[in-house]
Amino acid sequence: MPHKSELLLPAGSLVKLKTAVLYGADAVYAGTPDMCLRAQSKISLEDLEEGIKFVHARGKKIYLTLNLFMHNRDVEKLPTFVDTLRRLKPDGVLIADPGVFQYVKDHAPELNLFVSTQANVCSSQAVKFWQRQGAKLCVLGREVTYDEMKEIREQCPDILLECFMHGAMCMSYSGRCLLSNYMTGRDSNRGACAQPCRYEYALVEEKRPGEYFPVYEDEKGTYILNSRDLCMIDHLPELMAAGVDSFKIEGRAKSAYYAAIVTGAYRHCIDAAVRGEAPDPVWRDEVEHVSHRHY
């Protein structure tokens, strides 16, 4: 039987958390704005408490995020954050900052520590490093190729691996980008990215100010910094065969409708792959009909 991978969905609000679980997610990940890189999160601590009870009552899992890169001004808040995590008892905590990782390891040893995509884990050497520090799971960077993923699994057989399956792609893939900071003052590495890589740009010649020359690619123009959205629904059997433990869907700011459709589609396709069956084309069609940029 193929390796059965977990289907992991974002929970940008309590409604979306419940929707994802009801439509087939094995696990969800969530966080409050002051604890993670989710500046647009609409979920409070009270919501998290209710959400954790909802998830666990259905035999599912929930992971909380503490994946900001801390400045000195943030460190004083860390004890309160960790006390909150210990009280909530999530199934895992996603962390990127090595200092935060060490603090949580020292002060909340009962928590399962996961390494966030923000840590840019792209090699077996990096996975082995985090495993030696006590990590139970590493989220692989979106820069990692399929062949590299297989090599990492072969060389790191005793740690959980997670990779992104579906959703928006940052122009900087794993997210370490300063474009938003430079253009708008909004820090992309602290969850407030203005997504300027999504803007449409034109060429301006130095001695012709005010004259904008469009750079054409197709009938809709071109977005020269922009990544297309990711969609791996056609490649689930290969990724399961590579030994990926968790398939992550991106989209905490998307609607509950989006969460329902995408969760249901991937749920059916994963289950079909486990049975050794070809997926019904209707599910590929479903993900084409939700809000997305070109895949």
C-alpha atoms as a PDB file:
ATOM      1  CA  MET A   1       0.000   0.000   0.000  1.00  0.00           C
ATOM      2  CA  PRO A   2       1.341   3.507  -0.823  1.00  0.00           C
ATOM      3  CA  HIS A   3       2.596   5.767   1.937  1.00  0.00           C
ATOM      4  CA  LYS A   4      -0.501   7.596   3.162  1.00  0.00           C
ATOM      5  CA  SER A   5       0.243  11.275   3.529  1.00  0.00           C
ATOM      6  CA  GLU A   6      -1.555  13.679   5.831  1.00  0.00           C
ATOM      7  CA  LEU A   7      -3.712  16.392   4.259  1.00  0.00           C
ATOM      8  CA  LEU A   8      -2.945  19.667   6.053  1.00  0.00           C
ATOM      9  CA  LEU A   9      -5.039  22.832   5.660  1.00  0.00           C
ATOM     10  CA  PRO A  10      -4.691  26.394   6.963  1.00  0.00           C
ATOM     11  CA  ALA A  11      -7.166  27.747   9.507  1.00  0.00           C
ATOM     12  CA  GLY A  12      -7.280  31.505   9.046  1.00  0.00           C
ATOM     13  CA  SER A  13     -10.469  31.659  11.087  1.00  0.00           C
ATOM     14  CA  LEU A  14     -12.525  29.337  13.277  1.00  0.00           C
ATOM     15  CA  VAL A  15     -15.043  28.854  10.464  1.00  0.00           C
ATOM     16  CA  LYS A  16     -12.302  27.845   8.028  1.00  0.00           C
ATOM     17  CA  LEU A  17     -10.765  25.543  10.626  1.00  0.00           C
ATOM     18  CA  LYS A  18     -14.042  23.674  11.047  1.00  0.00           C
ATOM     19  CA  THR A  19     -14.716  23.676   7.303  1.00  0.00           C
ATOM     20  CA  ALA A  20     -11.356  22.087   6.519  1.00  0.00           C
ATOM     21  CA  VAL A  21     -11.879  19.337   9.089  1.00  0.00           C
ATOM     22  CA  LEU A  22     -15.436  18.612   7.973  1.00  0.00           C
ATOM     23  CA  TYR A  23     -14.382  18.372   4.329  1.00  0.00           C
ATOM     24  CA  GLY A  24     -11.613  15.877   4.991  1.00  0.00           C
ATOM     25  CA  ALA A  25      -8.439  17.480   6.345  1.00  0.00           C
ATOM     26  CA  ASP A  26      -6.334  15.260   8.593  1.00  0.00           C
ATOM     27  CA  ALA A  27      -4.821  18.295  10.291  1.00  0.00           C
ATOM     28  CA  VAL A  28      -4.952  22.092  10.319  1.00  0.00           C
ATOM     29  CA  TYR A  29      -2.430  24.771  11.185  1.00  0.00           C
ATOM     30  CA  ALA A  30      -3.306  28.057  12.831  1.00  0.00           C
ATOM     31  CA  GLY A  31      -1.944  30.930  14.837  1.00  0.00           C
ATOM     32  CA  THR A  32      -2.795  34.333  16.267  1.00  0.00           C
ATOM     33  CA  PRO A  33      -1.259  37.483  14.738  1.00  0.00           C
ATOM     34  CA  ASP A  34       1.055  38.147  17.682  1.00  0.00           C
ATOM     35  CA  MET A  35       2.413  34.595  17.755  1.00  0.00           C
ATOM     36  CA  CYS A  36       3.255  33.948  14.125  1.00  0.00           C
ATOM     37  CA  LEU A  37       3.559  35.175  10.541  1.00  0.00           C
ATOM     38  CA  ARG A  38      -0.198  35.430  10.099  1.00  0.00           C
ATOM     39  CA  ALA A  39      -0.853  39.137  10.339  1.00  0.00           C
ATOM     40  CA  GLN A  40      -4.211  38.704   8.614  1.00  0.00           C
ATOM     41  CA  SER A  41      -5.351  35.848  10.820  1.00  0.00           C
ATOM     42  CA  LYS A  42      -8.895  36.222  12.114  1.00  0.00           C
ATOM     43  CA  ILE A  43      -8.498  33.709  14.907  1.00  0.00           C
ATOM     44  CA  SER A  44      -8.302  34.613  18.605  1.00  0.00           C
ATOM     45  CA  LEU A  45      -7.047  32.607  21.549  1.00  0.00           C
ATOM     46  CA  GLU A  46     -10.650  31.798  22.422  1.00  0.00           C
ATOM     47  CA  ASP A  47     -11.185  30.570  18.863  1.00  0.00           C
ATOM     48  CA  LEU A  48      -8.069  28.439  19.131  1.00  0.00           C
ATOM     49  CA  GLU A  49      -9.299  26.835  22.336  1.00  0.00           C
ATOM     50  CA  GLU A  50     -12.632  25.997  20.703  1.00  0.00           C
ATOM     51  CA  GLY A  51     -10.891  24.892  17.514  1.00  0.00           C
ATOM     52  CA  ILE A  52      -8.522  22.542  19.325  1.00  0.00           C
ATOM     53  CA  LYS A  53     -11.448  20.875  21.108  1.00  0.00           C
ATOM     54  CA  PHE A  54     -13.298  20.576  17.769  1.00  0.00           C
ATOM     55  CA  VAL A  55     -10.284  19.047  16.011  1.00  0.00           C
ATOM     56  CA  HIS A  56      -9.357  16.604  18.761  1.00  0.00           C
ATOM     57  CA  ALA A  57     -12.968  15.465  19.235  1.00  0.00           C
ATOM     58  CA  ARG A  58     -12.838  14.255  15.625  1.00  0.00           C
ATOM     59  CA  GLY A  59      -9.498  12.498  15.936  1.00  0.00           C
ATOM     60  CA  LYS A  60      -7.657  15.104  13.870  1.00  0.00           C
ATOM     61  CA  LYS A  61      -4.560  17.213  14.618  1.00  0.00           C
ATOM     62  CA  ILE A  62      -3.805  20.906  14.949  1.00  0.00           C
ATOM     63  CA  TYR A  63      -0.457  22.659  14.710  1.00  0.00           C
ATOM     64  CA  LEU A  64       0.162  26.181  15.972  1.00  0.00           C
ATOM     65  CA  THR A  65       2.648  28.633  14.529  1.00  0.00           C
ATOM     66  CA  LEU A  66       5.353  30.551  16.348  1.00  0.00           C
ATOM     67  CA  ASN A  67       7.405  31.123  13.226  1.00  0.00           C
ATOM     68  CA  LEU A  68       8.278  34.813  13.290  1.00  0.00           C
ATOM     69  CA  PHE A  69      11.938  35.866  13.332  1.00  0.00           C
ATOM     70  CA  MET A  70      12.215  37.693  16.616  1.00  0.00           C
ATOM     71  CA  HIS A  71      13.744  41.098  17.253  1.00  0.00           C
ATOM     72  CA  ASN A  72      14.825  42.043  20.755  1.00  0.00           C
ATOM     73  CA  ARG A  73      11.485  43.773  21.320  1.00  0.00           C
ATOM     74  CA  ASP A  74       9.694  40.458  20.774  1.00  0.00           C
ATOM     75  CA  VAL A  75      11.771  38.328  23.106  1.00  0.00           C
ATOM     76  CA  GLU A  76      10.143  39.640  26.269  1.00  0.00           C
ATOM     77  CA  LYS A  77       6.802  38.279  25.016  1.00  0.00           C
ATOM     78  CA  LEU A  78       8.160  34.781  24.481  1.00  0.00           C
ATOM     79  CA  PRO A  79       7.448  33.412  28.004  1.00  0.00           C
ATOM     80  CA  THR A  80       3.768  34.365  27.666  1.00  0.00           C
ATOM     81  CA  PHE A  81       3.570  32.789  24.214  1.00  0.00           C
ATOM     82  CA  VAL A  82       5.094  29.557  25.466  1.00  0.00           C
ATOM     83  CA  ASP A  83       2.814  29.456  28.504  1.00  0.00           C
ATOM     84  CA  THR A  84      -0.122  29.812  26.103  1.00  0.00           C
ATOM     85  CA  LEU A  85       1.161  26.966  23.932  1.00  0.00           C
ATOM     86  CA  ARG A  86       1.585  24.699  26.944  1.00  0.00           C
ATOM     87  CA  ARG A  87      -1.979  25.410  28.006  1.00  0.00           C
ATOM     88  CA  LEU A  88      -3.451  24.842  24.543  1.00  0.00           C
ATOM     89  CA  LYS A  89      -1.578  21.545  23.998  1.00  0.00           C
ATOM     90  CA  PRO A  90      -1.386  21.547  20.181  1.00  0.00           C
ATOM     91  CA  ASP A  91      -0.069  18.513  18.318  1.00  0.00           C
ATOM     92  CA  GLY A  92       2.921  20.481  17.070  1.00  0.00           C
ATOM     93  CA  VAL A  93       4.456  23.979  17.004  1.00  0.00           C
ATOM     94  CA  LEU A  94       5.938  25.431  13.812  1.00  0.00           C
ATOM     95  CA  ILE A  95       9.111  27.474  14.429  1.00  0.00           C
ATOM     96  CA  ALA A  96      11.709  29.086  12.139  1.00  0.00           C
ATOM     97  CA  ASP A  97      13.952  31.140  14.454  1.00  0.00           C
ATOM     98  CA  PRO A  98      16.713  28.989  16.055  1.00  0.00           C
ATOM     99  CA  GLY A  99      16.575  31.084  19.229  1.00  0.00           C
ATOM    100  CA  VAL A 100      12.837  30.534  19.563  1.00  0.00           C
ATOM    101  CA  PHE A 101      13.314  26.830  18.859  1.00  0.00           C
ATOM    102  CA  GLN A 102      15.845  26.529  21.686  1.00  0.00           C
ATOM    103  CA  TYR A 103      13.678  28.527  24.100  1.00  0.00           C
ATOM    104  CA  VAL A 104      10.603  26.373  23.483  1.00  0.00           C
ATOM    105  CA  LYS A 105      12.702  23.210  23.685  1.00  0.00           C
ATOM    106  CA  ASP A 106      14.064  24.313  27.089  1.00  0.00           C
ATOM    107  CA  HIS A 107      10.813  25.649  28.572  1.00  0.00           C
ATOM    108  CA  ALA A 108       8.186  23.366  27.018  1.00  0.00           C
ATOM    109  CA  PRO A 109       9.925  20.037  26.363  1.00  0.00           C
ATOM    110  CA  GLU A 110       6.592  18.226  26.037  1.00  0.00           C
ATOM    111  CA  LEU A 111       5.721  20.069  22.802  1.00  0.00           C
ATOM    112  CA  ASN A 112       6.458  18.576  19.384  1.00  0.00           C
ATOM    113  CA  LEU A 113       8.686  21.050  17.527  1.00  0.00           C
ATOM    114  CA  PHE A 114       8.275  21.439  13.767  1.00  0.00           C
ATOM    115  CA  VAL A 115      10.563  23.489  11.507  1.00  0.00           C
ATOM    116  CA  SER A 116       8.675  26.057   9.404  1.00  0.00           C
ATOM    117  CA  THR A 117       9.090  26.721   5.698  1.00  0.00           C
ATOM    118  CA  GLN A 118      10.609  30.079   6.688  1.00  0.00           C
ATOM    119  CA  ALA A 119      13.733  28.192   7.794  1.00  0.00           C
ATOM    120  CA  ASN A 120      14.469  27.392   4.118  1.00  0.00           C
ATOM    121  CA  VAL A 121      15.226  23.696   4.617  1.00  0.00           C
ATOM    122  CA  CYS A 122      16.463  22.532   1.208  1.00  0.00           C
ATOM    123  CA  SER A 123      18.936  19.703   1.915  1.00  0.00           C
ATOM    124  CA  SER A 124      19.340  16.505   3.889  1.00  0.00           C
ATOM    125  CA  GLN A 125      22.112  18.225   5.843  1.00  0.00           C
ATOM    126  CA  ALA A 126      19.689  20.895   7.058  1.00  0.00           C
ATOM    127  CA  VAL A 127      17.103  18.246   7.961  1.00  0.00           C
ATOM    128  CA  LYS A 128      19.718  16.294   9.927  1.00  0.00           C
ATOM    129  CA  PHE A 129      20.741  19.471  11.762  1.00  0.00           C
ATOM    130  CA  TRP A 130      17.186  20.208  12.887  1.00  0.00           C
ATOM    131  CA  GLN A 131      16.600  16.577  13.787  1.00  0.00           C
ATOM    132  CA  ARG A 132      19.649  16.693  16.077  1.00  0.00           C
ATOM    133  CA  GLN A 133      18.147  19.775  17.731  1.00  0.00           C
ATOM    134  CA  GLY A 134      14.982  17.816  18.498  1.00  0.00           C
ATOM    135  CA  ALA A 135      12.677  18.610  15.566  1.00  0.00           C
ATOM    136  CA  LYS A 136       9.974  16.036  14.847  1.00  0.00           C
ATOM    137  CA  LEU A 137       9.103  17.437  11.391  1.00  0.00           C
ATOM    138  CA  CYS A 138      10.697  19.662   8.757  1.00  0.00           C
ATOM    139  CA  VAL A 139       8.726  21.593   6.170  1.00  0.00           C
ATOM    140  CA  LEU A 140      10.801  21.429   2.999  1.00  0.00           C
ATOM    141  CA  GLY A 141      11.388  24.646   1.084  1.00  0.00           C
ATOM    142  CA  ARG A 142       9.372  25.089  -2.074  1.00  0.00           C
ATOM    143  CA  GLU A 143      12.710  25.329  -3.908  1.00  0.00           C
ATOM    144  CA  VAL A 144      13.288  21.584  -3.344  1.00  0.00           C
ATOM    145  CA  THR A 145      12.870  19.497  -6.489  1.00  0.00           C
ATOM    146  CA  TYR A 146      11.151  16.128  -6.612  1.00  0.00           C
ATOM    147  CA  ASP A 147      14.452  14.263  -7.011  1.00  0.00           C
ATOM    148  CA  GLU A 148      15.948  16.177  -4.081  1.00  0.00           C
ATOM    149  CA  MET A 149      12.886  15.327  -2.014  1.00  0.00           C
ATOM    150  CA  LYS A 150      13.429  11.612  -2.649  1.00  0.00           C
ATOM    151  CA  GLU A 151      17.112  11.929  -1.720  1.00  0.00           C
ATOM    152  CA  ILE A 152      16.255  13.765   1.510  1.00  0.00           C
ATOM    153  CA  ARG A 153      13.800  11.020   2.472  1.00  0.00           C
ATOM    154  CA  GLU A 154      16.376   8.298   1.746  1.00  0.00           C
ATOM    155  CA  GLN A 155      19.039  10.079   3.787  1.00  0.00           C
ATOM    156  CA  CYS A 156      16.679  11.137   6.600  1.00  0.00           C
ATOM    157  CA  PRO A 157      14.344   8.177   7.178  1.00  0.00           C
ATOM    158  CA  ASP A 158      13.440   8.914  10.805  1.00  0.00           C
ATOM    159  CA  ILE A 159      11.876  12.374  10.676  1.00  0.00           C
ATOM    160  CA  LEU A 160       8.546  13.590   9.330  1.00  0.00           C
ATOM    161  CA  LEU A 161       8.721  15.612   6.102  1.00  0.00           C
ATOM    162  CA  GLU A 162       6.134  18.074   4.868  1.00  0.00           C
ATOM    163  CA  CYS A 163       5.862  19.880   1.558  1.00  0.00           C
ATOM    164  CA  PHE A 164       3.506  22.367  -0.055  1.00  0.00           C
ATOM    165  CA  MET A 165       0.917  20.992  -2.471  1.00  0.00           C
ATOM    166  CA  HIS A 166      -1.337  23.831  -3.491  1.00  0.00           C
ATOM    167  CA  GLY A 167      -1.725  27.592  -3.348  1.00  0.00           C
ATOM    168  CA  ALA A 168       0.080  30.871  -3.828  1.00  0.00           C
ATOM    169  CA  MET A 169       3.826  30.869  -4.419  1.00  0.00           C
ATOM    170  CA  CYS A 170       5.990  33.705  -3.131  1.00  0.00           C
ATOM    171  CA  MET A 171       8.473  35.104  -5.689  1.00  0.00           C
ATOM    172  CA  SER A 172      11.058  34.258  -3.021  1.00  0.00           C
ATOM    173  CA  TYR A 173       9.576  30.734  -2.693  1.00  0.00           C
ATOM    174  CA  SER A 174      10.302  30.139   1.010  1.00  0.00           C
ATOM    175  CA  GLY A 175       9.427  33.703   1.834  1.00  0.00           C
ATOM    176  CA  ARG A 176      12.633  35.481   2.870  1.00  0.00           C
ATOM    177  CA  CYS A 177      11.963  38.638   0.859  1.00  0.00           C
ATOM    178  CA  LEU A 178      12.489  42.378   1.479  1.00  0.00           C
ATOM    179  CA  LEU A 179      10.558  43.783  -1.489  1.00  0.00           C
ATOM    180  CA  SER A 180       7.449  44.570   0.556  1.00  0.00           C
ATOM    181  CA  ASN A 181       9.526  46.200   3.296  1.00  0.00           C
ATOM    182  CA  TYR A 182      11.305  48.403   0.759  1.00  0.00           C
ATOM    183  CA  MET A 183       8.236  49.478  -1.205  1.00  0.00           C
ATOM    184  CA  THR A 184       5.559  49.751   1.487  1.00  0.00           C
ATOM    185  CA  GLY A 185       7.212  49.442   4.902  1.00  0.00           C
ATOM    186  CA  ARG A 186       5.227  46.248   5.556  1.00  0.00           C
ATOM    187  CA  ASP A 187       7.442  43.409   6.755  1.00  0.00           C
ATOM    188  CA  SER A 188       6.928  40.236   4.740  1.00  0.00           C
ATOM    189  CA  ASN A 189       8.999  38.263   7.240  1.00  0.00           C
ATOM    190  CA  ARG A 190       6.586  39.193  10.022  1.00  0.00           C
ATOM    191  CA  GLY A 191       3.364  38.330   8.215  1.00  0.00           C
ATOM    192  CA  ALA A 192       2.438  41.707   6.732  1.00  0.00           C
ATOM    193  CA  CYS A 193       3.540  41.297   3.099  1.00  0.00           C
ATOM    194  CA  ALA A 194       1.829  43.683   0.664  1.00  0.00           C
ATOM    195  CA  GLN A 195       2.637  41.239  -2.178  1.00  0.00           C
ATOM    196  CA  PRO A 196       4.273  43.806  -4.493  1.00  0.00           C
ATOM    197  CA  CYS A 197       5.582  40.933  -6.618  1.00  0.00           C
ATOM    198  CA  ARG A 198       1.951  40.532  -7.737  1.00  0.00           C
ATOM    199  CA  TYR A 199       1.857  44.032  -9.234  1.00  0.00           C
ATOM    200  CA  GLU A 200       2.124  44.628 -12.966  1.00  0.00           C
ATOM    201  CA  TYR A 201       5.297  46.493 -13.881  1.00  0.00           C
ATOM    202  CA  ALA A 202       6.470  48.412 -16.951  1.00  0.00           C
ATOM    203  CA  LEU A 203       9.925  49.444 -18.180  1.00  0.00           C
ATOM    204  CA  VAL A 204      11.035  53.086 -17.764  1.00  0.00           C
ATOM    205  CA  GLU A 205      14.088  54.465 -19.540  1.00  0.00           C
ATOM    206  CA  GLU A 206      16.228  56.815 -17.416  1.00  0.00           C
ATOM    207  CA  LYS A 207      16.110  59.767 -19.831  1.00  0.00           C
ATOM    208  CA  ARG A 208      12.403  59.360 -20.608  1.00  0.00           C
ATOM    209  CA  PRO A 209      10.705  59.824 -17.229  1.00  0.00           C
ATOM    210  CA  GLY A 210       6.976  59.320 -17.338  1.00  0.00           C
ATOM    211  CA  GLU A 211       7.119  57.107 -20.427  1.00  0.00           C
ATOM    212  CA  TYR A 212       6.131  53.577 -19.513  1.00  0.00           C
ATOM    213  CA  PHE A 213       6.915  50.732 -21.868  1.00  0.00           C
ATOM    214  CA  PRO A 214       4.877  47.593 -21.178  1.00  0.00           C
ATOM    215  CA  VAL A 215       6.631  44.233 -21.341  1.00  0.00           C
ATOM    216  CA  TYR A 216       4.232  41.939 -23.170  1.00  0.00           C
ATOM    217  CA  GLU A 217       3.978  38.209 -22.599  1.00  0.00           C
ATOM    218  CA  ASP A 218       0.404  37.395 -23.594  1.00  0.00           C
ATOM    219  CA  GLU A 219      -2.968  39.088 -23.988  1.00  0.00           C
ATOM    220  CA  LYS A 220      -3.031  39.908 -20.248  1.00  0.00           C
ATOM    221  CA  GLY A 221       0.418  41.445 -20.130  1.00  0.00           C
ATOM    222  CA  THR A 222       3.172  40.135 -17.911  1.00  0.00           C
ATOM    223  CA  TYR A 223       3.937  40.043 -14.220  1.00  0.00           C
ATOM    224  CA  ILE A 224       7.715  39.778 -14.321  1.00  0.00           C
ATOM    225  CA  LEU A 225       8.273  39.026 -10.623  1.00  0.00           C
ATOM    226  CA  ASN A 226       5.249  36.820 -10.070  1.00  0.00           C
ATOM    227  CA  SER A 227       5.137  33.084  -9.449  1.00  0.00           C
ATOM    228  CA  ARG A 228       2.112  31.160 -10.627  1.00  0.00           C
ATOM    229  CA  ASP A 229       0.046  29.242  -8.088  1.00  0.00           C
ATOM    230  CA  LEU A 230       1.094  25.723  -7.174  1.00  0.00           C
ATOM    231  CA  CYS A 231      -1.182  22.755  -7.957  1.00  0.00           C
ATOM    232  CA  MET A 232       0.115  19.233  -7.353  1.00  0.00           C
ATOM    233  CA  ILE A 233      -3.215  17.403  -7.489  1.00  0.00           C
ATOM    234  CA  ASP A 234      -2.045  15.456 -10.568  1.00  0.00           C
ATOM    235  CA  HIS A 235       1.161  14.295  -8.880  1.00  0.00           C
ATOM    236  CA  LEU A 236       0.009  12.901  -5.538  1.00  0.00           C
ATOM    237  CA  PRO A 237       0.970   9.238  -6.214  1.00  0.00           C
ATOM    238  CA  GLU A 238       4.569  10.212  -7.024  1.00  0.00           C
ATOM    239  CA  LEU A 239       4.859  12.418  -3.953  1.00  0.00           C
ATOM    240  CA  MET A 240       3.371   9.736  -1.736  1.00  0.00           C
ATOM    241  CA  ALA A 241       5.858   7.247  -3.201  1.00  0.00           C
ATOM    242  CA  ALA A 242       8.655   9.679  -2.296  1.00  0.00           C
ATOM    243  CA  GLY A 243       7.634   9.320   1.346  1.00  0.00           C
ATOM    244  CA  VAL A 244       6.283  12.782   2.067  1.00  0.00           C
ATOM    245  CA  ASP A 245       4.356  12.611   5.348  1.00  0.00           C
ATOM    246  CA  SER A 246       2.272  15.788   5.129  1.00  0.00           C
ATOM    247  CA  PHE A 247       0.771  17.620   2.145  1.00  0.00           C
ATOM    248  CA  LYS A 248       0.272  21.289   2.972  1.00  0.00           C
ATOM    249  CA  ILE A 249      -2.316  23.523   1.291  1.00  0.00           C
ATOM    250  CA  GLU A 250      -1.645  27.280   1.376  1.00  0.00           C
ATOM    251  CA  GLY A 251      -4.444  29.834   1.694  1.00  0.00           C
ATOM    252  CA  ARG A 252      -5.209  31.135   5.178  1.00  0.00           C
ATOM    253  CA  ALA A 253      -6.647  34.340   3.668  1.00  0.00           C
ATOM    254  CA  LYS A 254      -8.915  32.458   1.254  1.00  0.00           C
ATOM    255  CA  SER A 255     -12.622  31.915   1.884  1.00  0.00           C
ATOM    256  CA  ALA A 256     -14.317  29.036   3.680  1.00  0.00           C
ATOM    257  CA  TYR A 257     -15.728  28.060   0.277  1.00  0.00           C
ATOM    258  CA  TYR A 258     -12.182  27.789  -1.077  1.00  0.00           C
ATOM    259  CA  ALA A 259     -11.164  25.650   1.922  1.00  0.00           C
ATOM    260  CA  ALA A 260     -14.112  23.328   1.355  1.00  0.00           C
ATOM    261  CA  ILE A 261     -13.557  22.829  -2.373  1.00  0.00           C
ATOM    262  CA  VAL A 262      -9.785  22.385  -2.250  1.00  0.00           C
ATOM    263  CA  THR A 263      -9.903  20.123   0.811  1.00  0.00           C
ATOM    264  CA  GLY A 264     -12.571  17.902  -0.726  1.00  0.00           C
ATOM    265  CA  ALA A 265     -10.729  17.625  -4.036  1.00  0.00           C
ATOM    266  CA  TYR A 266      -7.400  16.659  -2.475  1.00  0.00           C
ATOM    267  CA  ARG A 267      -9.100  14.314  -0.008  1.00  0.00           C
ATOM    268  CA  HIS A 268     -10.699  12.321  -2.814  1.00  0.00           C
ATOM    269  CA  CYS A 269      -7.476  12.229  -4.857  1.00  0.00           C
ATOM    270  CA  ILE A 270      -5.302  11.136  -1.920  1.00  0.00           C
ATOM    271  CA  ASP A 271      -7.765   8.389  -1.038  1.00  0.00           C
ATOM    272  CA  ALA A 272      -7.844   7.232  -4.656  1.00  0.00           C
ATOM    273  CA  ALA A 273      -4.041   7.105  -4.746  1.00  0.00           C
ATOM    274  CA  VAL A 274      -3.968   5.013  -1.566  1.00  0.00           C
ATOM    275  CA  ARG A 275      -6.353   2.543  -3.231  1.00  0.00           C
ATOM    276  CA  GLY A 276      -4.172   2.495  -6.343  1.00  0.00           C
ATOM    277  CA  GLU A 277      -6.921   4.093  -8.432  1.00  0.00           C
ATOM    278  CA  ALA A 278      -6.786   6.940 -10.894  1.00  0.00           C
ATOM    279  CA  PRO A 279      -8.498  10.060  -9.547  1.00  0.00           C
ATOM    280  CA  ASP A 280     -11.817  11.143 -10.995  1.00  0.00           C
ATOM    281  CA  PRO A 281     -11.116  14.107 -13.357  1.00  0.00           C
ATOM    282  CA  VAL A 282     -13.952  15.989 -11.656  1.00  0.00           C
ATOM    283  CA  TRP A 283     -11.600  16.846  -8.763  1.00  0.00           C
ATOM    284  CA  ARG A 284      -8.996  18.439 -11.043  1.00  0.00           C
ATOM    285  CA  ASP A 285     -11.836  20.434 -12.543  1.00  0.00           C
ATOM    286  CA  GLU A 286     -12.959  21.526  -9.066  1.00  0.00           C
ATOM    287  CA  VAL A 287      -9.645  23.204  -8.229  1.00  0.00           C
ATOM    288  CA  GLU A 288      -9.804  25.054 -11.559  1.00  0.00           C
ATOM    289  CA  HIS A 289     -13.076  26.673 -10.496  1.00  0.00           C
ATOM    290  CA  VAL A 290     -11.962  28.230  -7.223  1.00  0.00           C
ATOM    291  CA  SER A 291     -10.216  31.601  -7.022  1.00  0.00           C
ATOM    292  CA  HIS A 292      -6.591  31.238  -8.133  1.00  0.00           C
ATOM    293  CA  ARG A 293      -3.910  32.630 -10.375  1.00  0.00           C
ATOM    294  CA  HIS A 294      -2.722  30.478 -13.264  1.00  0.00           C
ATOM    295  CA  TYR A 295      -1.346  27.164 -12.022  1.00  0.00           C
END
